[in-house]
Amino acid sequence: VLFRSVVAMIQAPMISHAGSPLEQANRSARVALADSRAQLSQRDQAALKQVLHGKYEYVDNDLFHKPQAEKVIFEDAPAIQRPDTSWYHPVMDHVSSPRDLYSNKSVGTVLLTAAQERALFLQFNYCRFRVVELKDRIGQGPIKRGPAKELLSWHRKVEAYRDQIAQTNLALVLAMAKRTRMSEIDFSDLVSEGNMALLRAVDKFDVARGFKFSTYGCRAILKAFSRSGIKLSKYRQMFPTDFDPKLEKSNHLDTKRTEFV
């Protein structure tokens, strides 16, 4: 299904904003607001620390730098239905392909059109773009309440859009797990590894290339499964004997006691 040539075309130019270790250390000591009388809640404080100290990336797009970018990306975007993931369970062994899920109306999965997928990824990356922009504007000085609230607002939107995209494409993980079934790896562990790969693919996908996310996401998931298989194979070579709890118990004390009896 996936070829190496597709990867070169889909790979996205990531823009990173982390700062030097010294800059991150300085930021960790001054998360408090400039106005001590208007402190944030403990939850907002934790989220603000995560944003300021963590590494933030986004996939750039020419549309982000235009005057009417926010109106085009949000107001003029097509309506997108949120998926219902109540059907999802990592041990759903009977699911063989995303088509099985989409054909069942009761499971609540959503199959996005190309226009809807483009709009969703543009919204996701524009929110990340605004977070990075605000971090640069805040700089090293004390954080005022207004910019802090705005930063947290865009960060919450980033998390919401990431969850929506990932939940919409959960069926890809199950389909790839069924396709590459490894007898030595538990099915739920395989699905868990695929979920992590799906989230990484969401962060790096560039919708401006013109390809569907499923093409990029499936290859990312399969690569994650391959890495898990290689790691397990190396472990089996180093430790060929199955784990036995009895081997952890030493009989040294019993042997010493018998010598004095």
C-alpha atoms as a PDB file:
ATOM      1  CA  VAL A   1       0.000   0.000   0.000  1.00  0.00           C
ATOM      2  CA  LEU A   2       2.807   2.389   0.932  1.00  0.00           C
ATOM      3  CA  PHE A   3       6.019   3.091  -0.941  1.00  0.00           C
ATOM      4  CA  ARG A   4       9.219   4.882  -0.055  1.00  0.00           C
ATOM      5  CA  SER A   5       8.671   7.458  -2.766  1.00  0.00           C
ATOM      6  CA  VAL A   6       5.528   8.635  -0.998  1.00  0.00           C
ATOM      7  CA  VAL A   7       7.457   9.419   2.169  1.00  0.00           C
ATOM      8  CA  ALA A   8       9.780  11.907   0.479  1.00  0.00           C
ATOM      9  CA  MET A   9       6.818  13.798  -0.910  1.00  0.00           C
ATOM     10  CA  ILE A  10       4.817  13.831   2.327  1.00  0.00           C
ATOM     11  CA  GLN A  11       7.547  14.671   4.827  1.00  0.00           C
ATOM     12  CA  ALA A  12       6.639  18.007   6.391  1.00  0.00           C
ATOM     13  CA  PRO A  13       8.919  20.955   7.132  1.00  0.00           C
ATOM     14  CA  MET A  14       8.651  21.219  10.912  1.00  0.00           C
ATOM     15  CA  ILE A  15       9.277  24.543  12.639  1.00  0.00           C
ATOM     16  CA  SER A  16      10.501  24.025  16.180  1.00  0.00           C
ATOM     17  CA  HIS A  17      10.517  26.409  19.109  1.00  0.00           C
ATOM     18  CA  ALA A  18      12.358  25.100  22.153  1.00  0.00           C
ATOM     19  CA  GLY A  19      15.101  27.591  22.991  1.00  0.00           C
ATOM     20  CA  SER A  20      18.459  26.944  24.543  1.00  0.00           C
ATOM     21  CA  PRO A  21      18.740  24.957  27.812  1.00  0.00           C
ATOM     22  CA  LEU A  22      19.654  28.206  29.593  1.00  0.00           C
ATOM     23  CA  GLU A  23      16.573  29.917  28.202  1.00  0.00           C
ATOM     24  CA  GLN A  24      14.355  27.029  29.312  1.00  0.00           C
ATOM     25  CA  ALA A  25      15.899  27.106  32.791  1.00  0.00           C
ATOM     26  CA  ASN A  26      15.246  30.842  33.055  1.00  0.00           C
ATOM     27  CA  ARG A  27      11.638  30.387  32.012  1.00  0.00           C
ATOM     28  CA  SER A  28      11.059  27.678  34.616  1.00  0.00           C
ATOM     29  CA  ALA A  29      11.736  30.201  37.376  1.00  0.00           C
ATOM     30  CA  ARG A  30       9.304  32.895  36.218  1.00  0.00           C
ATOM     31  CA  VAL A  31       5.963  31.355  35.343  1.00  0.00           C
ATOM     32  CA  ALA A  32       4.184  33.635  37.811  1.00  0.00           C
ATOM     33  CA  LEU A  33       2.186  36.516  36.384  1.00  0.00           C
ATOM     34  CA  ALA A  34       3.502  40.067  36.445  1.00  0.00           C
ATOM     35  CA  ASP A  35       0.487  41.088  38.557  1.00  0.00           C
ATOM     36  CA  SER A  36       0.727  39.007  41.742  1.00  0.00           C
ATOM     37  CA  ARG A  37      -2.879  39.890  42.628  1.00  0.00           C
ATOM     38  CA  ALA A  38      -4.227  38.075  39.561  1.00  0.00           C
ATOM     39  CA  GLN A  39      -2.792  34.586  39.783  1.00  0.00           C
ATOM     40  CA  LEU A  40      -3.875  31.714  37.568  1.00  0.00           C
ATOM     41  CA  SER A  41      -5.435  28.542  38.911  1.00  0.00           C
ATOM     42  CA  GLN A  42      -3.179  25.618  39.722  1.00  0.00           C
ATOM     43  CA  ARG A  43      -4.346  23.783  36.609  1.00  0.00           C
ATOM     44  CA  ASP A  44      -3.626  26.780  34.392  1.00  0.00           C
ATOM     45  CA  GLN A  45      -0.235  27.229  36.036  1.00  0.00           C
ATOM     46  CA  ALA A  46       0.696  23.629  35.213  1.00  0.00           C
ATOM     47  CA  ALA A  47      -0.480  24.034  31.618  1.00  0.00           C
ATOM     48  CA  LEU A  48       1.435  27.305  31.272  1.00  0.00           C
ATOM     49  CA  LYS A  49       4.628  25.664  32.521  1.00  0.00           C
ATOM     50  CA  GLN A  50       4.155  22.855  30.033  1.00  0.00           C
ATOM     51  CA  VAL A  51       3.784  25.316  27.153  1.00  0.00           C
ATOM     52  CA  LEU A  52       6.660  27.594  28.117  1.00  0.00           C
ATOM     53  CA  HIS A  53       9.178  24.886  28.970  1.00  0.00           C
ATOM     54  CA  GLY A  54       8.247  22.312  26.361  1.00  0.00           C
ATOM     55  CA  LYS A  55       9.154  22.011  22.713  1.00  0.00           C
ATOM     56  CA  TYR A  56       6.488  23.373  20.402  1.00  0.00           C
ATOM     57  CA  GLU A  57       6.407  22.566  16.689  1.00  0.00           C
ATOM     58  CA  TYR A  58       4.068  23.367  13.844  1.00  0.00           C
ATOM     59  CA  VAL A  59       3.863  22.723  10.118  1.00  0.00           C
ATOM     60  CA  ASP A  60       4.022  26.099   8.428  1.00  0.00           C
ATOM     61  CA  ASN A  61       1.653  27.226   5.684  1.00  0.00           C
ATOM     62  CA  ASP A  62       1.613  30.379   3.549  1.00  0.00           C
ATOM     63  CA  LEU A  63      -1.974  31.028   4.607  1.00  0.00           C
ATOM     64  CA  PHE A  64      -0.905  31.629   8.232  1.00  0.00           C
ATOM     65  CA  HIS A  65       0.935  34.830   7.289  1.00  0.00           C
ATOM     66  CA  LYS A  66      -1.933  36.461   5.389  1.00  0.00           C
ATOM     67  CA  PRO A  67      -4.133  39.192   6.954  1.00  0.00           C
ATOM     68  CA  GLN A  68      -7.398  37.211   6.729  1.00  0.00           C
ATOM     69  CA  ALA A  69      -5.867  33.902   7.794  1.00  0.00           C
ATOM     70  CA  GLU A  70      -7.977  33.383  10.916  1.00  0.00           C
ATOM     71  CA  LYS A  71     -11.243  34.102   9.085  1.00  0.00           C
ATOM     72  CA  VAL A  72     -10.413  31.770   6.195  1.00  0.00           C
ATOM     73  CA  ILE A  73      -9.180  28.938   8.419  1.00  0.00           C
ATOM     74  CA  PHE A  74     -11.976  28.968  10.993  1.00  0.00           C
ATOM     75  CA  GLU A  75     -15.028  30.867   9.738  1.00  0.00           C
ATOM     76  CA  ASP A  76     -14.928  29.762   6.098  1.00  0.00           C
ATOM     77  CA  ALA A  77     -14.032  26.130   6.887  1.00  0.00           C
ATOM     78  CA  PRO A  78     -16.525  23.335   6.109  1.00  0.00           C
ATOM     79  CA  ALA A  79     -18.463  21.770   8.953  1.00  0.00           C
ATOM     80  CA  ILE A  80     -16.680  18.771  10.463  1.00  0.00           C
ATOM     81  CA  GLN A  81     -18.462  16.172  12.548  1.00  0.00           C
ATOM     82  CA  ARG A  82     -16.692  14.979  15.682  1.00  0.00           C
ATOM     83  CA  PRO A  83     -16.190  11.192  15.904  1.00  0.00           C
ATOM     84  CA  ASP A  84     -17.751   8.944  18.518  1.00  0.00           C
ATOM     85  CA  THR A  85     -15.013   6.663  19.877  1.00  0.00           C
ATOM     86  CA  SER A  86     -17.177   4.697  22.280  1.00  0.00           C
ATOM     87  CA  TRP A  87     -16.725   1.687  19.981  1.00  0.00           C
ATOM     88  CA  TYR A  88     -12.945   1.740  20.337  1.00  0.00           C
ATOM     89  CA  HIS A  89     -11.116  -0.831  22.423  1.00  0.00           C
ATOM     90  CA  PRO A  90      -7.471  -1.937  21.927  1.00  0.00           C
ATOM     91  CA  VAL A  91      -8.422  -5.616  21.930  1.00  0.00           C
ATOM     92  CA  MET A  92     -11.075  -5.439  19.213  1.00  0.00           C
ATOM     93  CA  ASP A  93      -9.740  -8.518  17.482  1.00  0.00           C
ATOM     94  CA  HIS A  94     -12.650  -8.880  15.088  1.00  0.00           C
ATOM     95  CA  VAL A  95     -12.052  -5.583  13.236  1.00  0.00           C
ATOM     96  CA  SER A  96     -10.282  -6.300   9.966  1.00  0.00           C
ATOM     97  CA  SER A  97     -10.301  -2.953   8.153  1.00  0.00           C
ATOM     98  CA  PRO A  98     -11.536   0.640   8.481  1.00  0.00           C
ATOM     99  CA  ARG A  99     -14.173  -0.180   5.842  1.00  0.00           C
ATOM    100  CA  ASP A 100     -15.824  -2.553   8.314  1.00  0.00           C
ATOM    101  CA  LEU A 101     -16.157   0.322  10.740  1.00  0.00           C
ATOM    102  CA  TYR A 102     -17.359   2.889   8.227  1.00  0.00           C
ATOM    103  CA  SER A 103     -20.002   0.521   6.914  1.00  0.00           C
ATOM    104  CA  ASN A 104     -21.465   0.253  10.419  1.00  0.00           C
ATOM    105  CA  LYS A 105     -23.372   3.478  11.063  1.00  0.00           C
ATOM    106  CA  SER A 106     -23.797   2.754  14.773  1.00  0.00           C
ATOM    107  CA  VAL A 107     -20.127   3.015  15.683  1.00  0.00           C
ATOM    108  CA  GLY A 108     -20.030   6.760  14.983  1.00  0.00           C
ATOM    109  CA  THR A 109     -16.802   6.876  12.981  1.00  0.00           C
ATOM    110  CA  VAL A 110     -16.273   9.805  10.623  1.00  0.00           C
ATOM    111  CA  LEU A 111     -14.769   9.570   7.147  1.00  0.00           C
ATOM    112  CA  LEU A 112     -13.466  13.030   6.237  1.00  0.00           C
ATOM    113  CA  THR A 113     -13.483  14.457   2.740  1.00  0.00           C
ATOM    114  CA  ALA A 114     -10.280  15.973   1.354  1.00  0.00           C
ATOM    115  CA  ALA A 115     -11.608  19.484   2.026  1.00  0.00           C
ATOM    116  CA  GLN A 116     -12.572  18.648   5.619  1.00  0.00           C
ATOM    117  CA  GLU A 117      -9.226  17.017   6.325  1.00  0.00           C
ATOM    118  CA  ARG A 118      -7.361  20.009   4.908  1.00  0.00           C
ATOM    119  CA  ALA A 119      -9.424  22.420   7.021  1.00  0.00           C
ATOM    120  CA  LEU A 120      -8.880  20.376  10.188  1.00  0.00           C
ATOM    121  CA  PHE A 121      -5.097  20.202   9.786  1.00  0.00           C
ATOM    122  CA  LEU A 122      -4.902  23.906   8.934  1.00  0.00           C
ATOM    123  CA  GLN A 123      -6.819  24.739  12.110  1.00  0.00           C
ATOM    124  CA  PHE A 124      -4.578  22.457  14.165  1.00  0.00           C
ATOM    125  CA  ASN A 125      -1.321  23.894  12.839  1.00  0.00           C
ATOM    126  CA  TYR A 126      -2.541  27.498  12.913  1.00  0.00           C
ATOM    127  CA  CYS A 127      -3.245  27.130  16.643  1.00  0.00           C
ATOM    128  CA  ARG A 128       0.283  25.790  17.149  1.00  0.00           C
ATOM    129  CA  PHE A 129       1.617  28.675  15.056  1.00  0.00           C
ATOM    130  CA  ARG A 130      -0.123  31.174  17.341  1.00  0.00           C
ATOM    131  CA  VAL A 131       1.283  29.487  20.454  1.00  0.00           C
ATOM    132  CA  VAL A 132       4.835  29.799  19.107  1.00  0.00           C
ATOM    133  CA  GLU A 133       4.171  33.404  18.101  1.00  0.00           C
ATOM    134  CA  LEU A 134       2.952  34.264  21.595  1.00  0.00           C
ATOM    135  CA  LYS A 135       5.920  32.521  23.223  1.00  0.00           C
ATOM    136  CA  ASP A 136       8.278  34.661  21.156  1.00  0.00           C
ATOM    137  CA  ARG A 137       6.330  37.799  22.071  1.00  0.00           C
ATOM    138  CA  ILE A 138       6.407  37.013  25.800  1.00  0.00           C
ATOM    139  CA  GLY A 139      10.183  36.604  25.731  1.00  0.00           C
ATOM    140  CA  GLN A 140      12.085  36.618  29.012  1.00  0.00           C
ATOM    141  CA  GLY A 141      10.062  39.222  30.928  1.00  0.00           C
ATOM    142  CA  PRO A 142       7.256  38.636  33.427  1.00  0.00           C
ATOM    143  CA  ILE A 143       4.072  37.211  31.944  1.00  0.00           C
ATOM    144  CA  LYS A 144       1.022  39.421  32.077  1.00  0.00           C
ATOM    145  CA  ARG A 145      -2.392  37.927  32.648  1.00  0.00           C
ATOM    146  CA  GLY A 146      -3.718  38.809  29.192  1.00  0.00           C
ATOM    147  CA  PRO A 147      -0.995  37.081  27.131  1.00  0.00           C
ATOM    148  CA  ALA A 148      -1.012  34.154  29.555  1.00  0.00           C
ATOM    149  CA  LYS A 149      -4.747  33.613  29.086  1.00  0.00           C
ATOM    150  CA  GLU A 150      -4.412  33.941  25.316  1.00  0.00           C
ATOM    151  CA  LEU A 151      -1.522  31.463  25.261  1.00  0.00           C
ATOM    152  CA  LEU A 152      -3.516  28.937  27.282  1.00  0.00           C
ATOM    153  CA  SER A 153      -6.550  29.403  25.041  1.00  0.00           C
ATOM    154  CA  TRP A 154      -4.599  28.579  21.873  1.00  0.00           C
ATOM    155  CA  HIS A 155      -2.879  25.657  23.639  1.00  0.00           C
ATOM    156  CA  ARG A 156      -6.234  24.141  24.611  1.00  0.00           C
ATOM    157  CA  LYS A 157      -7.366  24.434  21.005  1.00  0.00           C
ATOM    158  CA  VAL A 158      -4.212  22.619  19.905  1.00  0.00           C
ATOM    159  CA  GLU A 159      -4.968  19.734  22.262  1.00  0.00           C
ATOM    160  CA  ALA A 160      -8.612  19.594  21.151  1.00  0.00           C
ATOM    161  CA  TYR A 161      -7.766  19.485  17.438  1.00  0.00           C
ATOM    162  CA  ARG A 162      -5.039  16.866  17.988  1.00  0.00           C
ATOM    163  CA  ASP A 163      -7.508  14.656  19.849  1.00  0.00           C
ATOM    164  CA  GLN A 164     -10.144  15.103  17.148  1.00  0.00           C
ATOM    165  CA  ILE A 165      -7.759  14.153  14.333  1.00  0.00           C
ATOM    166  CA  ALA A 166      -6.387  11.166  16.234  1.00  0.00           C
ATOM    167  CA  GLN A 167      -9.849   9.892  17.210  1.00  0.00           C
ATOM    168  CA  THR A 168     -11.039  10.240  13.624  1.00  0.00           C
ATOM    169  CA  ASN A 169      -8.197   7.996  12.440  1.00  0.00           C
ATOM    170  CA  LEU A 170      -8.189   5.368  15.207  1.00  0.00           C
ATOM    171  CA  ALA A 171      -9.457   2.765  12.762  1.00  0.00           C
ATOM    172  CA  LEU A 172      -6.124   2.968  10.908  1.00  0.00           C
ATOM    173  CA  VAL A 173      -4.326   1.614  13.971  1.00  0.00           C
ATOM    174  CA  LEU A 174      -6.631  -1.382  14.294  1.00  0.00           C
ATOM    175  CA  ALA A 175      -6.461  -2.108  10.579  1.00  0.00           C
ATOM    176  CA  MET A 176      -2.637  -2.038  10.533  1.00  0.00           C
ATOM    177  CA  ALA A 177      -2.455  -4.119  13.722  1.00  0.00           C
ATOM    178  CA  LYS A 178      -4.610  -6.798  12.110  1.00  0.00           C
ATOM    179  CA  ARG A 179      -2.571  -6.680   8.923  1.00  0.00           C
ATOM    180  CA  THR A 180       0.833  -7.064  10.609  1.00  0.00           C
ATOM    181  CA  ARG A 181      -0.216  -9.483  13.339  1.00  0.00           C
ATOM    182  CA  MET A 182       2.878 -10.563  15.287  1.00  0.00           C
ATOM    183  CA  SER A 183       2.422 -13.670  17.373  1.00  0.00           C
ATOM    184  CA  GLU A 184       5.229 -12.710  19.772  1.00  0.00           C
ATOM    185  CA  ILE A 185       3.683  -9.299  20.575  1.00  0.00           C
ATOM    186  CA  ASP A 186       0.407  -8.942  22.433  1.00  0.00           C
ATOM    187  CA  PHE A 187      -2.324  -7.375  20.306  1.00  0.00           C
ATOM    188  CA  SER A 188      -3.088  -4.636  22.847  1.00  0.00           C
ATOM    189  CA  ASP A 189       0.637  -3.721  23.054  1.00  0.00           C
ATOM    190  CA  LEU A 190       0.739  -3.519  19.279  1.00  0.00           C
ATOM    191  CA  VAL A 191      -2.264  -1.204  19.221  1.00  0.00           C
ATOM    192  CA  SER A 192      -0.730   0.958  21.962  1.00  0.00           C
ATOM    193  CA  GLU A 193       2.443   1.354  19.893  1.00  0.00           C
ATOM    194  CA  GLY A 194       0.300   2.227  16.881  1.00  0.00           C
ATOM    195  CA  ASN A 195      -1.576   4.892  18.831  1.00  0.00           C
ATOM    196  CA  MET A 196       1.692   6.617  19.748  1.00  0.00           C
ATOM    197  CA  ALA A 197       2.799   6.475  16.107  1.00  0.00           C
ATOM    198  CA  LEU A 198      -0.540   7.952  15.053  1.00  0.00           C
ATOM    199  CA  LEU A 199      -0.071  10.948  17.362  1.00  0.00           C
ATOM    200  CA  ARG A 200       3.452  11.549  16.020  1.00  0.00           C
ATOM    201  CA  ALA A 201       2.110  11.371  12.464  1.00  0.00           C
ATOM    202  CA  VAL A 202      -0.595  13.932  13.280  1.00  0.00           C
ATOM    203  CA  ASP A 203       2.061  16.365  14.520  1.00  0.00           C
ATOM    204  CA  LYS A 204       4.253  16.005  11.422  1.00  0.00           C
ATOM    205  CA  PHE A 205       1.776  15.706   8.574  1.00  0.00           C
ATOM    206  CA  ASP A 206       1.748  18.530   6.004  1.00  0.00           C
ATOM    207  CA  VAL A 207      -1.669  18.737   4.363  1.00  0.00           C
ATOM    208  CA  ALA A 208      -0.370  21.254   1.806  1.00  0.00           C
ATOM    209  CA  ARG A 209       1.383  18.393  -0.027  1.00  0.00           C
ATOM    210  CA  GLY A 210      -1.983  17.271  -1.349  1.00  0.00           C
ATOM    211  CA  PHE A 211      -1.991  13.711   0.019  1.00  0.00           C
ATOM    212  CA  LYS A 212      -4.452  12.028   2.347  1.00  0.00           C
ATOM    213  CA  PHE A 213      -3.397  11.601   5.950  1.00  0.00           C
ATOM    214  CA  SER A 214      -4.160   7.863   5.827  1.00  0.00           C
ATOM    215  CA  THR A 215      -1.260   7.364   3.386  1.00  0.00           C
ATOM    216  CA  TYR A 216       1.226   8.978   5.733  1.00  0.00           C
ATOM    217  CA  GLY A 217      -0.344   7.653   8.926  1.00  0.00           C
ATOM    218  CA  CYS A 218      -0.432   4.016   7.797  1.00  0.00           C
ATOM    219  CA  ARG A 219       3.252   4.036   6.946  1.00  0.00           C
ATOM    220  CA  ALA A 220       4.121   5.663  10.289  1.00  0.00           C
ATOM    221  CA  ILE A 221       2.144   2.995  12.144  1.00  0.00           C
ATOM    222  CA  LEU A 222       3.741   0.150  10.172  1.00  0.00           C
ATOM    223  CA  LYS A 223       7.213   1.569  10.869  1.00  0.00           C
ATOM    224  CA  ALA A 224       6.410   1.643  14.582  1.00  0.00           C
ATOM    225  CA  PHE A 225       5.323  -1.997  14.455  1.00  0.00           C
ATOM    226  CA  SER A 226       8.531  -2.892  12.624  1.00  0.00           C
ATOM    227  CA  ARG A 227      10.659  -1.158  15.258  1.00  0.00           C
ATOM    228  CA  SER A 228       8.827  -3.013  18.022  1.00  0.00           C
ATOM    229  CA  GLY A 229       9.476  -6.321  16.253  1.00  0.00           C
ATOM    230  CA  ILE A 230      13.186  -5.538  15.844  1.00  0.00           C
ATOM    231  CA  LYS A 231      13.527  -4.586  19.514  1.00  0.00           C
ATOM    232  CA  LEU A 232      11.801  -7.778  20.608  1.00  0.00           C
ATOM    233  CA  SER A 233      13.980  -9.860  18.282  1.00  0.00           C
ATOM    234  CA  LYS A 234      17.163  -8.331  19.741  1.00  0.00           C
ATOM    235  CA  TYR A 235      15.882  -8.961  23.244  1.00  0.00           C
ATOM    236  CA  ARG A 236      15.168 -12.594  22.396  1.00  0.00           C
ATOM    237  CA  GLN A 237      18.716 -12.978  21.081  1.00  0.00           C
ATOM    238  CA  MET A 238      20.200 -11.533  24.275  1.00  0.00           C
ATOM    239  CA  PHE A 239      17.844 -13.384  26.629  1.00  0.00           C
ATOM    240  CA  PRO A 240      16.678 -16.565  24.865  1.00  0.00           C
ATOM    241  CA  THR A 241      15.292 -18.137  28.051  1.00  0.00           C
ATOM    242  CA  ASP A 242      11.769 -17.253  29.067  1.00  0.00           C
ATOM    243  CA  PHE A 243      11.392 -15.394  32.331  1.00  0.00           C
ATOM    244  CA  ASP A 244      10.988 -17.672  35.342  1.00  0.00           C
ATOM    245  CA  PRO A 245      10.107 -16.065  38.724  1.00  0.00           C
ATOM    246  CA  LYS A 246      11.768 -18.967  40.556  1.00  0.00           C
ATOM    247  CA  LEU A 247      15.146 -17.847  39.232  1.00  0.00           C
ATOM    248  CA  GLU A 248      14.857 -14.603  41.206  1.00  0.00           C
ATOM    249  CA  LYS A 249      14.769 -16.422  44.567  1.00  0.00           C
ATOM    250  CA  SER A 250      18.178 -17.196  45.997  1.00  0.00           C
ATOM    251  CA  ASN A 251      18.825 -20.298  48.165  1.00  0.00           C
ATOM    252  CA  HIS A 252      22.031 -18.877  49.644  1.00  0.00           C
ATOM    253  CA  LEU A 253      20.593 -18.447  53.167  1.00  0.00           C
ATOM    254  CA  ASP A 254      19.134 -21.949  53.178  1.00  0.00           C
ATOM    255  CA  THR A 255      22.484 -23.378  52.157  1.00  0.00           C
ATOM    256  CA  LYS A 256      24.335 -21.500  54.902  1.00  0.00           C
ATOM    257  CA  ARG A 257      21.841 -22.600  57.562  1.00  0.00           C
ATOM    258  CA  THR A 258      22.284 -26.277  56.660  1.00  0.00           C
ATOM    259  CA  GLU A 259      26.026 -25.926  57.243  1.00  0.00           C
ATOM    260  CA  PHE A 260      25.452 -25.015  60.917  1.00  0.00           C
ATOM    261  CA  VAL A 261      22.787 -27.591  61.639  1.00  0.00           C
END
